[in-house]
Amino acid sequence: MMRRLLATLILATVLGASAPARADDTAEARSRFREGAELYRAKQYREAISRFEEAYRLKPAAAIHYNVAQCREKLGEWPAAIRSYHDYLREAPEANDRAVVRAAIQKLEERLSATGAQPLLVYTDPPGAEVRIDGRARGTSPFHLVLPPGSYEVALALEGYERIAMEIAMRSRAAHVLDLQLRPSQPAPVASTAPATQPSGPAGQPPKPDLALRAAPPAAGAHDAADVGLSAQTAPREKRRIYTWIAGGTAVVAAAVGGYYGWSARRAESALHDGDGDANANASDATSRARRANVLYAVAGSAAAAGVTLFFVEKKF
């Protein structure tokens, strides 16, 4: 496991290729991550967790959850370690070490079974839902709590979304995971403003319709072929944005090539982790490809920004 954490120092690739962020935030996140790795090597696991979590707040990356789980496991905080491992798998659904991580989770669950309790993990999309267990507020999602075996009423509530309530059965052998998609609540029906009854007409005659309350239907054939032809002749012709397309194409190509280098860097990192080939060569290759990927992502971002600017500039000329 130690080799896995050291190998994730190539996190510069992940931090550079994920969602856009300010350059100073990215640099600070890398610094915090390296500090966490050094503290882990020094067996200062609590301080390492603090640095890793600071790095995640600055620049979210799934690999950080893995390292936090490693620290939690070293500290004997098994329920929290299971939570961090699940966080990692949830944010990296196609990670090539999923089987290894699931085996680590199972090992921790076996240790916890001797204590007679297991963690309940609650995830919601979107997050931030209030979690109530047997009517008592216990926190907000994402959330975990250790519970003994038994049946529990779980209720989730978030403003603007439908409330969810269910009964779960906790077992002593494995953690219980709830991963729920919240549905927006339906707006209340609008009350009709039309009068319930129509005034009666003279005796023996049906009431006259209240024409003031009805909207006149559109005239038949209002949009006929002649109207369409007139619109086609008088509508201004869209100007071609040649340079916008060039900038957009450059952004797409740079992003695609950058993605290739990022993928190949991860493969080199995996080879380093598995001990295949020359470790120094693999580390150098991973770093080099990660650097190329970052440069290409920067080019893609600049080209995309230029394309947006040109889209509005060319429209005026």
Protein backbone atom coordinates (compact mmCIF):
# COMPACT_ATOMS: atom_id res chain seq x y z
CA MET A 1 0.00 0.00 0.00
CA MET A 2 2.93 2.33 0.68
CA ARG A 3 4.05 2.00 -2.93
CA ARG A 4 0.56 3.02 -4.06
CA LEU A 5 0.69 6.25 -2.04
CA LEU A 6 4.18 7.11 -3.28
CA ALA A 7 3.15 6.40 -6.85
CA THR A 8 0.31 8.90 -6.56
CA LEU A 9 2.87 11.69 -6.41
CA ILE A 10 2.22 11.72 -10.14
CA LEU A 11 -1.04 13.42 -9.06
CA ALA A 12 0.18 16.45 -10.98
CA THR A 13 -1.40 14.79 -14.02
CA VAL A 14 -4.75 14.38 -12.29
CA LEU A 15 -4.68 17.87 -10.84
CA GLY A 16 -3.80 19.36 -14.22
CA ALA A 17 -6.39 17.42 -16.23
CA SER A 18 -9.50 17.75 -14.05
CA ALA A 19 -11.99 20.60 -13.82
CA PRO A 20 -10.62 24.10 -14.52
CA ALA A 21 -9.30 26.00 -11.50
CA ARG A 22 -7.08 28.96 -10.80
CA ALA A 23 -3.38 28.29 -11.34
CA ASP A 24 -2.49 29.35 -7.79
CA ASP A 25 -5.07 26.92 -6.35
CA THR A 26 -3.61 24.07 -8.40
CA ALA A 27 -0.06 24.85 -7.30
CA GLU A 28 -1.16 25.09 -3.67
CA ALA A 29 -3.04 21.78 -3.94
CA ARG A 30 0.09 20.05 -5.26
CA SER A 31 2.11 21.51 -2.40
CA ARG A 32 -0.40 20.30 0.19
CA PHE A 33 -0.48 16.86 -1.41
CA ARG A 34 3.33 16.52 -1.32
CA GLU A 35 3.34 17.62 2.33
CA GLY A 36 0.74 14.95 3.08
CA ALA A 37 2.86 12.28 1.39
CA GLU A 38 5.91 13.32 3.43
CA LEU A 39 3.91 13.21 6.66
CA TYR A 40 2.61 9.76 5.73
CA ARG A 41 6.17 8.51 5.26
CA ALA A 42 6.99 9.98 8.68
CA LYS A 43 3.99 8.05 10.12
CA GLN A 44 2.29 11.29 11.13
CA TYR A 45 -1.02 10.07 9.78
CA ARG A 46 -3.33 12.62 11.45
CA GLU A 47 -1.34 15.54 10.06
CA ALA A 48 -1.16 13.81 6.67
CA ILE A 49 -4.97 13.59 6.56
CA SER A 50 -5.21 17.32 7.23
CA ARG A 51 -2.87 18.12 4.31
CA PHE A 52 -4.65 15.73 1.94
CA GLU A 53 -8.04 17.20 2.79
CA GLU A 54 -6.70 20.73 2.22
CA ALA A 55 -5.43 19.62 -1.20
CA TYR A 56 -8.85 18.16 -2.04
CA ARG A 57 -10.67 21.37 -1.10
CA LEU A 58 -8.37 23.33 -3.41
CA LYS A 59 -8.46 20.83 -6.30
CA PRO A 60 -10.71 17.73 -5.96
CA ALA A 61 -9.08 14.48 -7.15
CA ALA A 62 -10.26 10.93 -6.42
CA ALA A 63 -6.74 9.68 -5.59
CA ILE A 64 -6.70 11.87 -2.48
CA HIS A 65 -9.56 9.83 -0.98
CA TYR A 66 -7.42 6.70 -1.37
CA ASN A 67 -4.56 8.27 0.56
CA VAL A 68 -6.90 9.48 3.31
CA ALA A 69 -8.26 5.92 3.58
CA GLN A 70 -4.70 4.62 3.98
CA CYS A 71 -4.09 7.05 6.85
CA ARG A 72 -7.41 6.20 8.51
CA GLU A 73 -6.57 2.51 8.29
CA LYS A 74 -3.17 3.09 9.92
CA LEU A 75 -4.90 4.98 12.75
CA GLY A 76 -7.36 2.13 13.29
CA GLU A 77 -10.31 4.29 12.24
CA TRP A 78 -11.87 1.52 10.20
CA PRO A 79 -15.37 2.93 9.57
CA ALA A 80 -13.87 6.23 8.34
CA ALA A 81 -11.38 4.28 6.19
CA ILE A 82 -14.27 2.37 4.59
CA ARG A 83 -16.00 5.69 3.90
CA SER A 84 -12.87 7.12 2.20
CA TYR A 85 -12.39 3.98 0.10
CA HIS A 86 -16.02 4.25 -1.06
CA ASP A 87 -15.48 7.97 -1.80
CA TYR A 88 -12.55 6.96 -4.02
CA LEU A 89 -14.51 4.29 -5.91
CA ARG A 90 -17.48 6.65 -6.32
CA GLU A 91 -15.35 9.40 -7.89
CA ALA A 92 -13.15 7.01 -9.92
CA PRO A 93 -15.66 4.40 -11.20
CA GLU A 94 -13.22 3.12 -13.83
CA ALA A 95 -10.11 2.95 -11.60
CA ASN A 96 -7.93 -0.02 -12.52
CA ASP A 97 -7.40 -0.93 -8.86
CA ARG A 98 -11.08 -1.32 -7.98
CA ALA A 99 -10.60 -5.00 -7.09
CA VAL A 100 -7.74 -4.16 -4.71
CA VAL A 101 -9.77 -1.42 -3.02
CA ARG A 102 -12.84 -3.64 -2.65
CA ALA A 103 -10.63 -6.31 -1.06
CA ALA A 104 -9.35 -3.71 1.41
CA ILE A 105 -12.95 -2.72 2.25
CA GLN A 106 -13.92 -6.35 2.81
CA LYS A 107 -10.93 -6.87 5.12
CA LEU A 108 -11.98 -3.88 7.24
CA GLU A 109 -15.60 -5.07 7.32
CA GLU A 110 -14.41 -8.44 8.63
CA ARG A 111 -12.50 -6.69 11.41
CA LEU A 112 -15.57 -4.62 12.31
CA SER A 113 -17.84 -7.68 12.37
CA ALA A 114 -16.09 -8.76 15.57
CA THR A 115 -17.27 -5.52 17.22
CA GLY A 116 -20.91 -6.19 16.28
CA ALA A 117 -21.39 -2.96 14.28
CA GLN A 118 -20.92 -1.67 10.74
CA PRO A 119 -20.98 1.78 9.10
CA LEU A 120 -24.00 3.16 7.28
CA LEU A 121 -22.84 5.29 4.34
CA VAL A 122 -25.28 7.76 2.76
CA TYR A 123 -24.60 9.58 -0.52
CA THR A 124 -27.06 11.80 -2.37
CA ASP A 125 -26.99 13.64 -5.66
CA PRO A 126 -27.07 16.56 -5.05
CA PRO A 127 -25.30 16.37 -1.67
CA GLY A 128 -26.28 18.26 1.47
CA ALA A 129 -29.49 16.39 2.35
CA GLU A 130 -30.38 16.18 6.03
CA VAL A 131 -30.17 12.58 7.27
CA ARG A 132 -32.57 11.45 9.99
CA ILE A 133 -32.35 8.02 11.57
CA ASP A 134 -35.38 6.90 13.57
CA GLY A 135 -36.56 10.51 13.55
CA ARG A 136 -33.31 11.97 14.90
CA ALA A 137 -31.19 14.33 12.78
CA ARG A 138 -27.69 12.84 12.50
CA GLY A 139 -25.93 14.89 9.80
CA THR A 140 -25.96 15.77 6.10
CA SER A 141 -24.94 13.74 3.07
CA PRO A 142 -22.33 12.51 2.32
CA PHE A 143 -22.54 10.90 5.71
CA HIS A 144 -21.46 7.82 7.68
CA LEU A 145 -22.43 6.45 11.09
CA VAL A 146 -21.61 3.17 12.85
CA LEU A 147 -24.73 1.21 13.83
CA PRO A 148 -25.36 -2.19 15.42
CA PRO A 149 -27.42 -4.77 13.51
CA GLY A 150 -31.14 -4.06 13.32
CA SER A 151 -33.85 -2.20 11.42
CA TYR A 152 -33.78 1.58 11.11
CA GLU A 153 -35.99 4.25 9.57
CA VAL A 154 -33.90 6.56 7.37
CA ALA A 155 -35.31 9.84 6.05
CA LEU A 156 -33.58 12.31 3.70
CA ALA A 157 -34.70 15.89 3.10
CA LEU A 158 -33.28 18.71 0.99
CA GLU A 159 -35.07 21.95 0.14
CA GLY A 160 -36.44 21.88 -3.41
CA TYR A 161 -36.36 18.06 -3.61
CA GLU A 162 -38.76 15.29 -2.74
CA ARG A 163 -38.34 13.76 0.70
CA ILE A 164 -37.20 10.13 0.82
CA ALA A 165 -38.04 7.73 3.65
CA MET A 166 -37.16 4.05 3.85
CA GLU A 167 -36.47 1.22 6.25
CA ILE A 168 -33.05 -0.43 6.14
CA ALA A 169 -31.64 -3.53 7.79
CA MET A 170 -28.09 -3.26 9.14
CA ARG A 171 -26.05 -6.47 9.18
CA SER A 172 -22.96 -7.30 11.20
CA ARG A 173 -20.90 -8.58 8.26
CA ALA A 174 -20.81 -5.64 5.85
CA ALA A 175 -21.34 -1.89 5.59
CA HIS A 176 -24.67 -0.61 4.26
CA VAL A 177 -24.38 1.94 1.42
CA LEU A 178 -27.20 4.21 0.22
CA ASP A 179 -26.44 6.12 -2.99
CA LEU A 180 -29.58 8.04 -3.96
CA GLN A 181 -30.58 10.44 -6.73
CA LEU A 182 -32.89 13.12 -5.34
CA ARG A 183 -35.81 14.22 -7.51
CA PRO A 184 -36.87 17.88 -7.70
CA SER A 185 -40.15 18.47 -5.92
CA GLN A 186 -43.18 19.15 -8.11
CA PRO A 187 -44.57 22.72 -8.00
CA ALA A 188 -47.96 23.09 -6.36
CA PRO A 189 -50.88 23.22 -8.86
CA VAL A 190 -52.05 26.74 -9.71
CA ALA A 191 -55.59 27.43 -8.57
CA SER A 192 -58.02 28.34 -11.34
CA THR A 193 -59.19 31.97 -11.37
CA ALA A 194 -62.35 31.22 -13.44
CA PRO A 195 -65.66 31.55 -11.57
CA ALA A 196 -67.19 28.27 -10.43
CA THR A 197 -70.59 29.05 -12.00
CA GLN A 198 -71.79 31.14 -14.89
CA PRO A 199 -74.59 33.65 -14.43
CA SER A 200 -77.93 32.46 -15.70
CA GLY A 201 -79.64 34.12 -18.65
CA PRO A 202 -83.30 34.95 -18.94
CA ALA A 203 -85.72 32.25 -17.91
CA GLY A 204 -85.90 29.41 -20.43
CA GLN A 205 -82.67 30.46 -22.21
CA PRO A 206 -79.19 28.93 -21.80
CA PRO A 207 -76.57 31.22 -20.24
CA LYS A 208 -74.44 33.16 -22.69
CA PRO A 209 -70.77 32.24 -22.77
CA ASP A 210 -68.45 34.70 -21.03
CA LEU A 211 -66.32 35.64 -24.03
CA ALA A 212 -64.14 37.92 -21.92
CA LEU A 213 -62.68 34.88 -20.17
CA ARG A 214 -61.65 33.09 -23.35
CA ALA A 215 -58.61 33.70 -25.45
CA ALA A 216 -59.28 34.04 -29.16
CA PRO A 217 -57.87 31.06 -31.11
CA PRO A 218 -55.16 31.76 -33.68
CA ALA A 219 -56.43 32.45 -37.20
CA ALA A 220 -56.31 29.39 -39.42
CA GLY A 221 -53.43 29.52 -41.89
CA ALA A 222 -51.77 32.44 -40.10
CA HIS A 223 -48.36 31.02 -40.93
CA ASP A 224 -48.72 29.95 -44.52
CA ALA A 225 -46.16 29.48 -47.28
CA ALA A 226 -46.23 33.18 -48.21
CA ASP A 227 -45.28 34.18 -44.69
CA VAL A 228 -42.46 31.65 -44.62
CA GLY A 229 -41.13 32.92 -47.93
CA LEU A 230 -41.21 36.50 -46.67
CA SER A 231 -39.33 35.53 -43.54
CA ALA A 232 -36.70 33.76 -45.58
CA GLN A 233 -36.17 36.81 -47.77
CA THR A 234 -36.07 39.41 -45.04
CA ALA A 235 -34.15 37.55 -42.36
CA PRO A 236 -30.49 38.64 -42.14
CA ARG A 237 -28.02 36.06 -43.33
CA GLU A 238 -25.83 34.51 -40.64
CA LYS A 239 -22.23 35.54 -41.03
CA ARG A 240 -19.63 32.83 -41.17
CA ARG A 241 -17.27 32.80 -38.21
CA ILE A 242 -14.17 31.30 -39.80
CA TYR A 243 -11.70 32.16 -37.07
CA THR A 244 -14.14 30.99 -34.39
CA TRP A 245 -14.22 27.57 -36.02
CA ILE A 246 -10.42 27.51 -36.27
CA ALA A 247 -10.05 28.31 -32.57
CA GLY A 248 -12.69 25.74 -31.64
CA GLY A 249 -11.02 23.06 -33.75
CA THR A 250 -7.67 23.82 -32.16
CA ALA A 251 -9.21 23.47 -28.69
CA VAL A 252 -10.75 20.09 -29.56
CA VAL A 253 -7.53 18.71 -31.08
CA ALA A 254 -5.36 19.95 -28.21
CA ALA A 255 -7.76 18.49 -25.64
CA ALA A 256 -7.83 15.13 -27.47
CA VAL A 257 -4.03 14.89 -27.72
CA GLY A 258 -3.70 16.05 -24.12
CA GLY A 259 -6.14 13.33 -23.08
CA TYR A 260 -3.94 10.77 -24.84
CA TYR A 261 -0.84 11.92 -23.02
CA GLY A 262 -2.74 11.98 -19.72
CA TRP A 263 -3.91 8.42 -20.35
CA SER A 264 -0.40 7.24 -21.23
CA ALA A 265 0.97 8.97 -18.11
CA ARG A 266 -1.50 7.03 -15.99
CA ARG A 267 -0.39 3.82 -17.66
CA ALA A 268 3.23 4.62 -16.86
CA GLU A 269 2.15 5.35 -13.28
CA SER A 270 0.39 1.99 -13.17
CA ALA A 271 3.55 0.27 -14.41
CA LEU A 272 5.50 2.03 -11.67
CA HIS A 273 2.93 0.88 -9.12
CA ASP A 274 3.05 -2.74 -10.38
CA GLY A 275 6.86 -2.78 -10.48
CA ASP A 276 7.00 -3.54 -14.22
CA GLY A 277 10.22 -2.55 -15.99
CA ASP A 278 12.70 0.11 -14.93
CA ALA A 279 11.15 2.16 -12.08
CA ASN A 280 13.22 5.27 -12.89
CA ALA A 281 12.33 5.09 -16.56
CA ASN A 282 8.63 4.65 -15.77
CA ALA A 283 8.65 7.57 -13.35
CA SER A 284 10.47 9.80 -15.85
CA ASP A 285 8.12 8.77 -18.66
CA ALA A 286 5.03 9.41 -16.52
CA THR A 287 6.29 12.86 -15.51
CA SER A 288 7.19 13.79 -19.09
CA ARG A 289 3.83 12.71 -20.49
CA ALA A 290 2.00 14.44 -17.66
CA ARG A 291 3.85 17.67 -18.46
CA ARG A 292 2.90 17.39 -22.14
CA ALA A 293 -0.71 16.73 -21.18
CA ASN A 294 -0.78 19.83 -18.98
CA VAL A 295 0.68 21.99 -21.77
CA LEU A 296 -1.91 20.71 -24.24
CA TYR A 297 -4.74 21.26 -21.79
CA ALA A 298 -3.54 24.82 -21.35
CA VAL A 299 -3.50 25.26 -25.14
CA ALA A 300 -7.01 23.80 -25.36
CA GLY A 301 -8.26 26.15 -22.68
CA SER A 302 -6.69 29.19 -24.34
CA ALA A 303 -8.08 28.22 -27.75
CA ALA A 304 -11.55 27.68 -26.26
CA ALA A 305 -11.43 31.10 -24.60
CA ALA A 306 -10.26 32.67 -27.86
CA GLY A 307 -13.10 30.93 -29.70
CA VAL A 308 -15.69 32.40 -27.33
CA THR A 309 -14.21 35.87 -27.78
CA LEU A 310 -14.06 35.52 -31.58
CA PHE A 311 -17.66 34.31 -31.65
CA PHE A 312 -18.84 37.71 -30.47
CA VAL A 313 -16.16 39.79 -32.24
CA GLU A 314 -16.75 38.26 -35.69
CA LYS A 315 -20.49 38.81 -35.32
CA LYS A 316 -19.92 42.56 -35.47
CA PHE A 317 -17.85 42.56 -38.69
